[in-house]
Amino acid sequence: MTAEDALQCALDDLERTGVLQKKNRMDINELLNLPEESQMMDDTTVKEICWAVLAAHKAQEEGLISGEGNDVEDDAPGEPVPTYSEIAQAMSIVARGIEYDQDPAACKLEVALASYGHQMWSARSQALTTTQITNYFSHT
């Protein structure tokens, strides 16, 4: 039984007991691929992502070479940290873009992306805590 099948069975059981109502159910693809994030991904091309990554690396290298390091001025507006989902989507797009490129740099990037993805999901899974479904319902 796959994870999707197990989740579907659990949702069916919740619906049968009356805890979950049919009109409140979400398809697993809808849950994992939020419309807002899908819209953002539709507007972003692989080339734009690659150029942004290259520009960030260049800026970082220039900062380190000139001795500036990674210091950020106090008046500089802070940029929100991307979510795990956003990072995974960006990594997926870049990986698809370089999948058939035989350039050594592309191969190294592909390995680095896979390694980072594994590390990211491993760290994320270790941070998870066990909860009960009843924790999300208030007793009124």
Protein backbone atom coordinates (compact mmCIF):
# COMPACT_ATOMS: atom_id res chain seq x y z
CA MET A 1 0.00 0.00 0.00
CA THR A 2 1.46 3.36 -1.01
CA ALA A 3 1.45 6.46 1.18
CA GLU A 4 -1.25 8.00 -1.03
CA ASP A 5 -3.45 4.92 -0.63
CA ALA A 6 -2.95 4.95 3.15
CA LEU A 7 -3.83 8.65 3.28
CA GLN A 8 -6.91 8.08 1.12
CA CYS A 9 -8.05 5.25 3.44
CA ALA A 10 -7.52 7.45 6.50
CA LEU A 11 -9.55 10.26 4.93
CA ASP A 12 -12.32 7.82 3.99
CA ASP A 13 -12.43 6.58 7.61
CA LEU A 14 -12.65 10.15 8.92
CA GLU A 15 -15.47 10.86 6.49
CA ARG A 16 -17.37 7.71 7.56
CA THR A 17 -17.15 8.72 11.24
CA GLY A 18 -18.41 12.22 10.45
CA VAL A 19 -15.23 14.02 11.50
CA LEU A 20 -14.45 15.03 7.92
CA GLN A 21 -17.13 16.18 5.53
CA LYS A 22 -17.00 15.47 1.81
CA LYS A 23 -17.22 19.17 0.88
CA ASN A 24 -14.11 19.93 2.99
CA ARG A 25 -11.88 17.32 1.36
CA MET A 26 -8.91 18.32 -0.79
CA ASP A 27 -7.32 16.26 -3.50
CA ILE A 28 -3.76 15.27 -2.53
CA ASN A 29 -2.38 17.08 -5.61
CA GLU A 30 -4.29 20.19 -4.60
CA LEU A 31 -2.89 19.90 -1.08
CA LEU A 32 0.71 19.45 -2.24
CA ASN A 33 0.54 21.93 -5.14
CA LEU A 34 -1.15 25.05 -3.84
CA PRO A 35 -2.65 27.24 -6.59
CA GLU A 36 -0.62 30.28 -5.46
CA GLU A 37 2.63 28.33 -5.79
CA SER A 38 1.58 26.85 -9.13
CA GLN A 39 0.89 30.34 -10.49
CA MET A 40 4.33 31.48 -9.35
CA MET A 41 5.95 28.49 -11.05
CA ASP A 42 4.02 29.11 -14.27
CA ASP A 43 5.43 32.65 -14.39
CA THR A 44 9.04 31.54 -13.78
CA THR A 45 11.15 29.92 -16.48
CA VAL A 46 14.13 27.63 -16.04
CA LYS A 47 16.36 30.28 -17.61
CA GLU A 48 15.20 32.90 -15.10
CA ILE A 49 15.96 30.56 -12.20
CA CYS A 50 19.40 29.70 -13.60
CA TRP A 51 20.24 33.39 -14.15
CA ALA A 52 19.11 34.24 -10.62
CA VAL A 53 21.24 31.45 -9.14
CA LEU A 54 24.29 32.49 -11.19
CA ALA A 55 23.83 36.16 -10.21
CA ALA A 56 23.56 35.22 -6.53
CA HIS A 57 26.74 33.13 -6.72
CA LYS A 58 28.58 35.93 -8.52
CA ALA A 59 27.46 38.49 -5.94
CA GLN A 60 28.49 36.19 -3.11
CA GLU A 61 31.92 35.56 -4.66
CA GLU A 62 32.51 39.28 -5.26
CA GLY A 63 31.51 40.06 -1.69
CA LEU A 64 33.92 37.46 -0.32
CA ILE A 65 36.76 38.58 -2.58
CA SER A 66 36.43 42.26 -1.65
CA GLY A 67 36.35 41.35 2.04
CA GLU A 68 32.75 42.36 2.57
CA GLY A 69 31.64 38.88 3.58
CA ASN A 70 27.92 38.27 3.93
CA ASP A 71 27.21 41.36 6.04
CA VAL A 72 23.85 42.96 5.35
CA GLU A 73 23.28 46.63 6.06
CA ASP A 74 20.86 47.32 8.89
CA ASP A 75 18.55 49.40 6.66
CA ALA A 76 18.32 46.72 3.99
CA PRO A 77 14.83 45.20 3.82
CA GLY A 78 14.83 41.54 4.82
CA GLU A 79 13.68 39.07 2.22
CA PRO A 80 11.41 36.27 3.48
CA VAL A 81 13.01 32.85 3.68
CA PRO A 82 11.62 30.51 1.00
CA THR A 83 9.51 27.58 2.17
CA TYR A 84 10.64 23.97 1.79
CA SER A 85 8.07 23.60 -0.97
CA GLU A 86 9.45 26.59 -2.88
CA ILE A 87 13.00 25.30 -2.53
CA ALA A 88 11.98 21.82 -3.71
CA GLN A 89 10.12 23.25 -6.72
CA ALA A 90 13.10 25.40 -7.72
CA MET A 91 15.46 22.44 -7.34
CA SER A 92 13.15 20.30 -9.45
CA ILE A 93 13.02 22.88 -12.23
CA VAL A 94 16.80 23.31 -12.28
CA ALA A 95 17.31 19.53 -12.23
CA ARG A 96 14.96 19.09 -15.20
CA GLY A 97 16.80 21.87 -17.05
CA ILE A 98 20.20 20.21 -16.70
CA GLU A 99 19.10 16.57 -16.78
CA TYR A 100 20.51 15.84 -20.25
CA ASP A 101 23.41 18.31 -20.18
CA GLN A 102 26.70 16.37 -20.19
CA ASP A 103 28.79 19.37 -19.14
CA PRO A 104 30.86 18.52 -16.02
CA ALA A 105 29.52 21.60 -14.20
CA ALA A 106 25.94 20.49 -14.92
CA CYS A 107 26.72 17.00 -13.63
CA LYS A 108 28.21 18.45 -10.42
CA LEU A 109 25.18 20.68 -9.96
CA GLU A 110 22.84 17.72 -10.45
CA VAL A 111 24.69 15.72 -7.78
CA ALA A 112 24.76 18.73 -5.44
CA LEU A 113 21.01 19.29 -5.89
CA ALA A 114 20.25 15.65 -5.14
CA SER A 115 22.49 15.69 -2.07
CA TYR A 116 21.00 18.92 -0.75
CA GLY A 117 17.47 17.68 -1.41
CA HIS A 118 18.15 14.53 0.58
CA GLN A 119 19.72 16.53 3.42
CA MET A 120 16.83 19.02 3.44
CA TRP A 121 14.11 16.35 3.61
CA SER A 122 16.05 14.36 6.20
CA ALA A 123 16.36 17.41 8.46
CA ARG A 124 12.71 18.25 7.90
CA SER A 125 11.53 14.74 8.75
CA GLN A 126 13.58 14.74 11.97
CA ALA A 127 11.88 17.98 13.03
CA LEU A 128 8.39 16.47 12.73
CA THR A 129 6.42 15.77 15.88
CA THR A 130 3.72 13.18 16.43
CA THR A 131 0.23 14.58 16.85
CA GLN A 132 -3.24 13.14 17.18
CA ILE A 133 -6.03 14.17 14.79
CA THR A 134 -8.13 15.18 17.79
CA ASN A 135 -5.55 17.89 18.68
CA TYR A 136 -6.97 19.97 15.83
CA PHE A 137 -10.56 20.02 17.07
CA SER A 138 -11.85 22.20 19.88
CA HIS A 139 -14.34 20.88 22.41
CA THR A 140 -17.20 23.40 22.61
